[in-house]
């Protein structure tokens, strides 16, 4: 069945609930999504949201991490939490026959998270270990530094994983305050799918009544820099990792987003056959890979890309990338490129919509971005009828993507 939207009334809050019924298997997946609750809310302690999510992975204070994990495993219940940039998500999956037990465990976790010094020490140690491993992840370093350039002096400039200093500075009180402020009814969206029945609303109401009402929060919007800056990081590496980005003057809910999706696929998202890959790798042999994409989020939009190349090819690869993007904006695309992209995007659509979780996630994103459920299907119709003249007119208007900043990790 197609996803549906309804509202739960809990205390003085109206909680949107997106439902995707699928009774072919006796499985249920539940997500509690908290708006304006991801790493964008870390404040002066980057990594705080991630640590708060990790604490929820340590079970309850009464059971402890090991006992709580045993209780979940005994009933084949999966319960996890993670923090994105804009949202904080708690995910629960279960067999239909264990729905009552699964909801009970989640309720225990919401009421009594394991807010102890031992648990905090454990998650901080793991976080510091992850950061240590990232010191040799050159893609991570290049991407992190690119965000610093594009979103300087904004929350997006801080790494969601945090830094060694910020992780060490987080206290148990910080974690507790973060959870109390962000895991609240006023910020909650429910997404539930699978073999659910008419009692789901009642059970979810009982579950969520334990959350404080809290307050809504406004998500800020941050524009990517057009100052064409560059940062180079020296590492002991055998190849150069080149990341680039620029503004994209289009917001997530603009009616022309589908045109950006089509044009960027031709430029760099489509892999082999795309302009960047064909020019930089196939024709000139300057890089092992070359990609580009656009990101449209509620808090920011930007154009970005990356490539890996031999150290001696680094300067030539950068110069050629600039040339390809400049030529793309000036001349647009061909009818053949548009036709091939349409065939791929329309033909591969079933693969992006074949599982219940994929459909549920798509429905959530439609709601989250302020669209009606089913908006994605309407976008496909627009792509199908898009003309070459319309697309090239759109491309010519967005010369801001030429104002590139560069983050390079090299020897």
Protein backbone atom coordinates (compact mmCIF):
# COMPACT_ATOMS: atom_id res chain seq x y z
CA UNK A 1 0.00 0.00 0.00
CA UNK A 2 1.09 3.59 -0.57
CA UNK A 3 2.33 5.58 2.38
CA UNK A 4 -0.28 7.53 4.31
CA UNK A 5 -0.08 10.44 6.72
CA UNK A 6 -2.05 10.88 9.91
CA UNK A 7 -1.70 12.76 13.18
CA UNK A 8 -1.38 11.52 16.75
CA UNK A 9 -2.52 13.86 19.52
CA UNK A 10 -0.32 13.44 22.58
CA UNK A 11 -0.52 15.93 25.44
CA UNK A 12 -0.65 19.29 23.64
CA UNK A 13 1.32 18.12 20.63
CA UNK A 14 0.31 16.93 17.18
CA UNK A 15 2.69 14.20 16.03
CA UNK A 16 2.81 13.43 12.29
CA UNK A 17 2.83 9.69 11.59
CA UNK A 18 3.82 8.29 8.20
CA UNK A 19 2.64 4.73 7.65
CA UNK A 20 3.61 2.20 4.98
CA UNK A 21 1.66 -1.06 5.31
CA UNK A 22 3.21 -4.24 3.97
CA UNK A 23 1.95 -7.54 5.39
CA UNK A 24 3.87 -9.85 3.09
CA UNK A 25 6.29 -10.52 5.95
CA UNK A 26 5.54 -10.41 9.70
CA UNK A 27 7.99 -7.55 10.30
CA UNK A 28 7.64 -4.01 11.65
CA UNK A 29 10.07 -1.12 11.41
CA UNK A 30 9.63 2.03 13.49
CA UNK A 31 11.59 5.25 13.34
CA UNK A 32 11.28 8.16 15.72
CA UNK A 33 12.79 11.16 13.98
CA UNK A 34 13.49 14.30 15.98
CA UNK A 35 13.77 17.50 13.95
CA UNK A 36 16.51 20.09 14.52
CA UNK A 37 18.31 17.56 16.72
CA UNK A 38 21.37 16.41 14.79
CA UNK A 39 24.95 17.62 14.76
CA UNK A 40 23.77 21.07 13.69
CA UNK A 41 22.75 21.41 17.37
CA UNK A 42 26.17 20.48 18.81
CA UNK A 43 26.92 24.06 19.79
CA UNK A 44 30.48 24.58 21.02
CA UNK A 45 31.05 20.83 21.51
CA UNK A 46 31.18 19.12 18.10
CA UNK A 47 30.34 15.43 18.36
CA UNK A 48 27.77 15.93 21.13
CA UNK A 49 24.79 14.62 19.12
CA UNK A 50 26.76 11.54 18.05
CA UNK A 51 27.76 10.83 21.64
CA UNK A 52 24.15 11.21 22.78
CA UNK A 53 23.11 8.63 20.18
CA UNK A 54 25.92 6.32 21.29
CA UNK A 55 24.75 6.56 24.92
CA UNK A 56 21.36 5.22 23.81
CA UNK A 57 23.25 2.22 22.46
CA UNK A 58 24.43 1.44 26.00
CA UNK A 59 21.05 0.26 27.23
CA UNK A 60 19.26 1.46 30.35
CA UNK A 61 20.63 2.46 33.72
CA UNK A 62 18.67 -0.28 35.50
CA UNK A 63 19.67 -3.13 33.16
CA UNK A 64 23.09 -1.95 32.00
CA UNK A 65 24.43 -2.36 28.48
CA UNK A 66 25.02 -6.13 28.48
CA UNK A 67 21.74 -7.18 30.10
CA UNK A 68 19.71 -4.82 27.90
CA UNK A 69 21.42 -6.19 24.79
CA UNK A 70 20.61 -9.74 25.93
CA UNK A 71 16.94 -8.85 26.38
CA UNK A 72 16.80 -7.42 22.87
CA UNK A 73 18.60 -10.39 21.34
CA UNK A 74 16.33 -12.89 23.08
CA UNK A 75 13.34 -11.48 21.18
CA UNK A 76 15.23 -10.68 17.94
CA UNK A 77 14.66 -6.95 18.47
CA UNK A 78 16.94 -4.39 16.84
CA UNK A 79 17.13 -1.02 18.58
CA UNK A 80 19.59 1.71 17.62
CA UNK A 81 20.05 5.46 17.50
CA UNK A 82 22.04 7.73 15.24
CA UNK A 83 22.44 11.45 14.70
CA UNK A 84 22.53 13.02 11.26
CA UNK A 85 23.20 16.67 10.50
CA UNK A 86 19.61 17.87 10.96
CA UNK A 87 17.84 14.99 12.69
CA UNK A 88 18.27 12.48 15.50
CA UNK A 89 16.78 9.04 14.79
CA UNK A 90 15.83 6.10 16.99
CA UNK A 91 15.11 2.96 14.99
CA UNK A 92 13.28 -0.13 16.21
CA UNK A 93 12.65 -3.27 14.18
CA UNK A 94 10.95 -6.46 15.31
CA UNK A 95 8.90 -9.50 14.41
CA UNK A 96 5.18 -8.82 14.49
CA UNK A 97 4.74 -11.29 17.35
CA UNK A 98 7.30 -9.37 19.46
CA UNK A 99 5.76 -5.94 18.93
CA UNK A 100 4.66 -5.59 22.56
CA UNK A 101 8.08 -6.54 23.93
CA UNK A 102 9.88 -4.25 21.48
CA UNK A 103 7.76 -1.23 22.40
CA UNK A 104 8.33 -2.00 26.07
CA UNK A 105 12.13 -2.01 25.59
CA UNK A 106 12.05 1.26 23.69
CA UNK A 107 9.92 2.82 26.39
CA UNK A 108 12.43 1.68 29.02
CA UNK A 109 15.23 3.27 27.04
CA UNK A 110 13.41 6.58 26.67
CA UNK A 111 12.60 6.72 30.38
CA UNK A 112 15.89 5.41 31.78
CA UNK A 113 18.87 5.79 29.40
CA UNK A 114 22.19 4.62 30.76
CA UNK A 115 23.40 8.06 31.84
CA UNK A 116 26.36 6.89 33.90
CA UNK A 117 30.00 7.87 33.93
CA UNK A 118 30.96 4.34 32.93
CA UNK A 119 28.77 4.47 29.84
CA UNK A 120 30.04 7.92 28.93
CA UNK A 121 33.65 6.82 29.28
CA UNK A 122 32.98 3.85 27.02
CA UNK A 123 31.35 5.87 24.20
CA UNK A 124 33.97 8.62 24.42
CA UNK A 125 36.77 6.05 24.18
CA UNK A 126 35.18 4.58 21.07
CA UNK A 127 34.63 8.05 19.57
CA UNK A 128 38.27 8.95 20.15
CA UNK A 129 39.31 5.66 18.57
CA UNK A 130 37.19 6.43 15.51
CA UNK A 131 38.81 9.85 15.22
CA UNK A 132 42.25 8.28 15.49
CA UNK A 133 41.39 5.96 12.60
CA UNK A 134 40.19 8.94 10.54
CA UNK A 135 43.67 10.47 10.66
CA UNK A 136 44.60 8.06 7.86
CA UNK A 137 41.28 8.38 6.01
CA UNK A 138 42.24 10.94 3.41
CA UNK A 139 38.75 11.13 1.90
CA UNK A 140 37.39 12.05 5.32
CA UNK A 141 40.06 14.71 5.82
CA UNK A 142 39.49 16.28 2.40
CA UNK A 143 35.72 16.30 2.81
CA UNK A 144 35.90 17.71 6.35
CA UNK A 145 38.17 20.53 5.24
CA UNK A 146 35.95 21.33 2.27
CA UNK A 147 33.02 21.85 4.65
CA UNK A 148 35.19 24.24 6.66
CA UNK A 149 35.82 26.31 3.55
CA UNK A 150 32.25 26.30 2.27
CA UNK A 151 30.49 26.88 5.59
CA UNK A 152 33.00 28.85 7.63
CA UNK A 153 31.66 30.27 10.91
CA UNK A 154 28.51 28.13 10.81
CA UNK A 155 27.57 24.88 12.61
CA UNK A 156 28.18 23.01 9.34
CA UNK A 157 31.89 23.82 9.51
CA UNK A 158 32.30 21.58 12.56
CA UNK A 159 32.84 17.83 11.97
CA UNK A 160 29.85 15.79 13.20
CA UNK A 161 32.29 13.27 14.69
CA UNK A 162 33.80 16.06 16.73
CA UNK A 163 37.45 16.63 17.58
CA UNK A 164 39.62 15.06 20.25
CA UNK A 165 39.30 18.20 22.34
CA UNK A 166 35.53 18.53 21.97
CA UNK A 167 34.89 14.83 22.69
CA UNK A 168 37.00 14.95 25.84
CA UNK A 169 35.16 18.08 26.98
CA UNK A 170 31.66 16.53 26.81
CA UNK A 171 30.18 15.80 30.24
CA UNK A 172 27.35 13.57 31.37
CA UNK A 173 25.35 16.71 32.07
CA UNK A 174 25.84 17.78 28.42
CA UNK A 175 24.45 14.46 27.21
CA UNK A 176 21.50 14.55 29.60
CA UNK A 177 20.59 18.11 28.63
CA UNK A 178 20.87 17.30 24.94
CA UNK A 179 18.49 14.34 25.23
CA UNK A 180 16.00 16.28 27.38
CA UNK A 181 15.99 19.20 24.96
CA UNK A 182 15.82 17.32 21.68
CA UNK A 183 13.98 14.04 22.32
CA UNK A 184 10.64 15.78 22.82
CA UNK A 185 7.15 15.57 21.37
CA UNK A 186 7.28 18.95 19.65
CA UNK A 187 10.14 17.74 17.44
CA UNK A 188 8.91 14.19 16.78
CA UNK A 189 7.95 12.60 13.48
CA UNK A 190 6.93 8.94 13.39
CA UNK A 191 7.65 6.67 10.42
CA UNK A 192 6.35 3.12 10.76
CA UNK A 193 6.08 0.40 8.18
CA UNK A 194 5.44 -3.29 7.77
CA UNK A 195 2.78 -5.62 9.15
CA UNK A 196 1.02 -3.02 11.28
CA UNK A 197 -2.62 -2.98 12.31
CA UNK A 198 -5.25 -0.56 13.59
CA UNK A 199 -3.85 -0.69 17.13
CA UNK A 200 -0.56 0.91 16.11
CA UNK A 201 -1.75 4.46 16.84
CA UNK A 202 -2.87 3.53 20.34
CA UNK A 203 0.37 1.68 21.12
CA UNK A 204 2.52 4.52 19.82
CA UNK A 205 0.56 7.05 21.83
CA UNK A 206 1.20 5.03 24.98
CA UNK A 207 4.89 4.74 24.09
CA UNK A 208 5.47 8.43 23.38
CA UNK A 209 3.58 9.75 26.38
CA UNK A 210 6.80 9.29 28.36
CA UNK A 211 8.52 12.03 26.35
CA UNK A 212 8.42 15.65 27.55
CA UNK A 213 6.46 18.05 25.39
CA UNK A 214 9.48 20.30 24.86
CA UNK A 215 9.77 23.10 22.35
CA UNK A 216 9.97 23.38 18.60
CA UNK A 217 13.13 24.89 17.10
CA UNK A 218 13.78 26.74 13.87
CA UNK A 219 16.37 25.19 11.57
CA UNK A 220 18.84 27.77 10.31
CA UNK A 221 19.82 28.05 6.65
CA UNK A 222 23.49 28.44 5.69
CA UNK A 223 24.72 29.52 2.26
CA UNK A 224 27.90 27.99 0.84
CA UNK A 225 30.80 30.37 0.25
CA UNK A 226 31.60 31.64 -3.24
CA UNK A 227 35.06 32.96 -2.29
CA UNK A 228 36.98 30.25 -4.19
CA UNK A 229 39.37 29.32 -1.38
CA UNK A 230 41.78 26.41 -1.16
CA UNK A 231 43.26 24.32 1.64
CA UNK A 232 46.00 21.73 1.17
CA UNK A 233 46.82 19.07 3.75
CA UNK A 234 50.11 17.20 3.52
CA UNK A 235 50.07 13.47 4.28
CA UNK A 236 52.21 10.48 3.45
CA UNK A 237 50.12 9.41 0.46
CA UNK A 238 50.79 7.95 -2.97
CA UNK A 239 47.95 9.85 -4.64
CA UNK A 240 46.13 13.14 -4.32
CA UNK A 241 42.60 13.33 -2.91
CA UNK A 242 40.87 16.33 -4.43
CA UNK A 243 37.51 17.60 -3.16
CA UNK A 244 35.78 20.66 -4.56
CA UNK A 245 32.56 22.54 -3.88
CA UNK A 246 30.63 25.72 -4.59
CA UNK A 247 27.26 27.33 -3.88
CA UNK A 248 24.10 26.15 -5.59
CA UNK A 249 21.49 28.88 -5.51
CA UNK A 250 18.53 26.58 -5.22
CA UNK A 251 16.73 25.43 -2.08
CA UNK A 252 15.43 21.96 -1.30
CA UNK A 253 11.80 22.88 -2.04
CA UNK A 254 12.38 24.80 -5.28
CA UNK A 255 10.32 23.52 -8.19
CA UNK A 256 13.48 23.26 -10.34
CA UNK A 257 15.31 20.76 -8.11
CA UNK A 258 14.56 17.97 -10.58
CA UNK A 259 16.44 19.92 -13.28
CA UNK A 260 19.46 20.12 -10.99
CA UNK A 261 19.25 16.38 -10.49
CA UNK A 262 19.24 15.75 -14.25
CA UNK A 263 21.97 18.25 -15.09
CA UNK A 264 24.33 17.09 -12.34
CA UNK A 265 23.84 13.47 -13.34
CA UNK A 266 25.12 14.40 -16.79
CA UNK A 267 27.98 16.44 -15.36
CA UNK A 268 29.28 14.03 -12.75
CA UNK A 269 26.86 11.85 -10.80
CA UNK A 270 26.42 9.28 -13.55
CA UNK A 271 29.92 7.80 -13.31
CA UNK A 272 31.20 6.48 -16.64
CA UNK A 273 29.48 8.46 -19.35
CA UNK A 274 29.34 11.64 -17.29
CA UNK A 275 31.29 14.70 -18.48
CA UNK A 276 33.79 14.69 -15.65
CA UNK A 277 34.60 10.98 -15.82
CA UNK A 278 34.78 10.86 -19.61
CA UNK A 279 36.99 13.94 -19.88
CA UNK A 280 39.27 13.59 -16.88
CA UNK A 281 39.73 9.82 -16.74
CA UNK A 282 38.82 8.32 -20.11
CA UNK A 283 40.17 11.00 -22.49
CA UNK A 284 43.08 12.41 -20.47
CA UNK A 285 43.88 9.69 -17.92
CA UNK A 286 44.33 12.25 -15.15
CA UNK A 287 42.27 10.59 -12.41
CA UNK A 288 41.10 7.20 -11.23
CA UNK A 289 37.64 8.58 -10.57
CA UNK A 290 35.82 11.90 -10.88
CA UNK A 291 32.33 12.61 -9.59
CA UNK A 292 30.03 15.54 -8.84
CA UNK A 293 26.72 15.87 -7.04
CA UNK A 294 24.29 18.38 -5.58
CA UNK A 295 22.99 18.31 -2.02
CA UNK A 296 19.67 19.93 -1.17
CA UNK A 297 19.01 19.94 2.56
CA UNK A 298 16.71 22.10 4.64
CA UNK A 299 19.71 23.79 6.25
CA UNK A 300 21.96 24.15 3.19
CA UNK A 301 22.44 23.49 -0.51
CA UNK A 302 25.69 23.13 -2.40
CA UNK A 303 27.47 21.59 -5.37
CA UNK A 304 30.43 19.30 -4.72
CA UNK A 305 32.66 16.69 -6.24
CA UNK A 306 35.81 14.67 -5.78
CA UNK A 307 38.53 12.77 -7.60
CA UNK A 308 41.68 10.81 -6.92
CA UNK A 309 44.73 11.26 -9.09
CA UNK A 310 48.45 10.65 -9.30
CA UNK A 311 50.52 13.21 -7.43
CA UNK A 312 52.11 14.44 -10.64
CA UNK A 313 48.67 14.87 -12.27
CA UNK A 314 47.16 16.93 -9.47
CA UNK A 315 47.47 20.41 -10.99
CA UNK A 316 46.37 19.30 -14.45
CA UNK A 317 43.34 17.48 -13.01
CA UNK A 318 42.25 20.58 -11.08
CA UNK A 319 42.66 22.82 -14.15
CA UNK A 320 40.73 20.40 -16.35
CA UNK A 321 37.91 20.10 -13.82
CA UNK A 322 37.50 23.87 -13.84
CA UNK A 323 37.44 23.82 -17.63
CA UNK A 324 34.83 21.04 -17.82
CA UNK A 325 32.50 22.82 -15.39
CA UNK A 326 32.97 26.18 -17.13
CA UNK A 327 32.21 24.58 -20.51
CA UNK A 328 29.18 22.80 -19.05
CA UNK A 329 27.63 26.04 -17.79
CA UNK A 330 28.39 27.88 -21.03
CA UNK A 331 27.28 25.28 -23.56
CA UNK A 332 24.84 23.05 -21.68
CA UNK A 333 24.17 19.45 -22.66
CA UNK A 334 23.23 17.57 -25.81
CA UNK A 335 19.97 15.85 -26.67
CA UNK A 336 21.73 12.49 -26.55
CA UNK A 337 22.97 13.15 -23.00
CA UNK A 338 19.50 14.18 -21.89
CA UNK A 339 17.88 11.12 -23.48
CA UNK A 340 20.39 8.74 -21.88
CA UNK A 341 19.89 10.32 -18.47
CA UNK A 342 16.13 10.10 -18.75
CA UNK A 343 16.35 6.42 -19.63
CA UNK A 344 18.56 5.72 -16.63
CA UNK A 345 16.63 7.76 -14.05
CA UNK A 346 13.23 6.53 -15.18
CA UNK A 347 14.34 2.95 -15.82
CA UNK A 348 16.15 2.53 -12.49
CA UNK A 349 13.34 4.03 -10.42
CA UNK A 350 11.91 0.61 -9.38
CA UNK A 351 15.29 -0.29 -7.82
CA UNK A 352 15.08 2.77 -5.57
CA UNK A 353 11.57 1.87 -4.48
CA UNK A 354 11.52 -1.90 -4.11
CA UNK A 355 11.77 -2.41 -0.35
CA UNK A 356 9.43 -1.23 2.36
CA UNK A 357 12.23 0.68 4.07
CA UNK A 358 13.09 2.51 0.85
CA UNK A 359 9.46 3.53 0.34
CA UNK A 360 9.06 4.57 3.96
CA UNK A 361 12.22 6.68 3.83
CA UNK A 362 11.07 8.35 0.62
CA UNK A 363 7.69 9.15 2.14
CA UNK A 364 9.37 10.62 5.20
CA UNK A 365 11.65 12.82 3.10
CA UNK A 366 8.66 14.06 1.12
CA UNK A 367 6.88 15.06 4.30
CA UNK A 368 10.02 16.45 5.93
CA UNK A 369 10.65 18.74 2.97
CA UNK A 370 7.09 19.99 2.95
CA UNK A 371 5.76 18.09 -0.06
CA UNK A 372 2.67 15.95 -0.41
CA UNK A 373 3.22 12.20 -0.25
CA UNK A 374 3.75 10.99 -3.79
CA UNK A 375 5.78 14.04 -4.80
CA UNK A 376 8.60 11.84 -6.13
CA UNK A 377 6.28 10.35 -8.77
CA UNK A 378 5.34 13.83 -9.91
CA UNK A 379 9.04 14.67 -10.22
CA UNK A 380 9.58 11.67 -12.48
CA UNK A 381 6.83 12.93 -14.78
CA UNK A 382 8.56 16.30 -14.95
CA UNK A 383 11.87 14.60 -15.81
CA UNK A 384 10.15 12.61 -18.53
CA UNK A 385 8.74 15.76 -20.18
CA UNK A 386 11.84 17.93 -19.66
CA UNK A 387 13.07 19.48 -22.93
CA UNK A 388 16.64 20.22 -23.95
CA UNK A 389 15.86 23.93 -24.18
CA UNK A 390 14.44 24.01 -20.63
CA UNK A 391 17.39 22.13 -19.18
CA UNK A 392 20.06 24.22 -20.89
CA UNK A 393 18.32 27.43 -19.86
CA UNK A 394 18.45 26.17 -16.28
CA UNK A 395 22.14 25.23 -16.54
CA UNK A 396 23.10 28.65 -17.92
CA UNK A 397 21.42 30.32 -14.91
CA UNK A 398 23.58 28.50 -12.39
CA UNK A 399 27.07 29.76 -13.12
CA UNK A 400 27.66 29.98 -9.37
CA UNK A 401 28.87 26.36 -9.47
CA UNK A 402 32.03 27.66 -11.17
CA UNK A 403 33.02 29.50 -7.97
CA UNK A 404 34.87 26.49 -6.63
CA UNK A 405 36.71 25.99 -3.39
CA UNK A 406 39.25 23.17 -3.15
CA UNK A 407 40.34 20.82 -0.38
CA UNK A 408 43.32 18.68 -1.33
CA UNK A 409 45.20 15.98 0.56
CA UNK A 410 48.53 15.32 -1.08
CA UNK A 411 52.11 14.38 -0.29
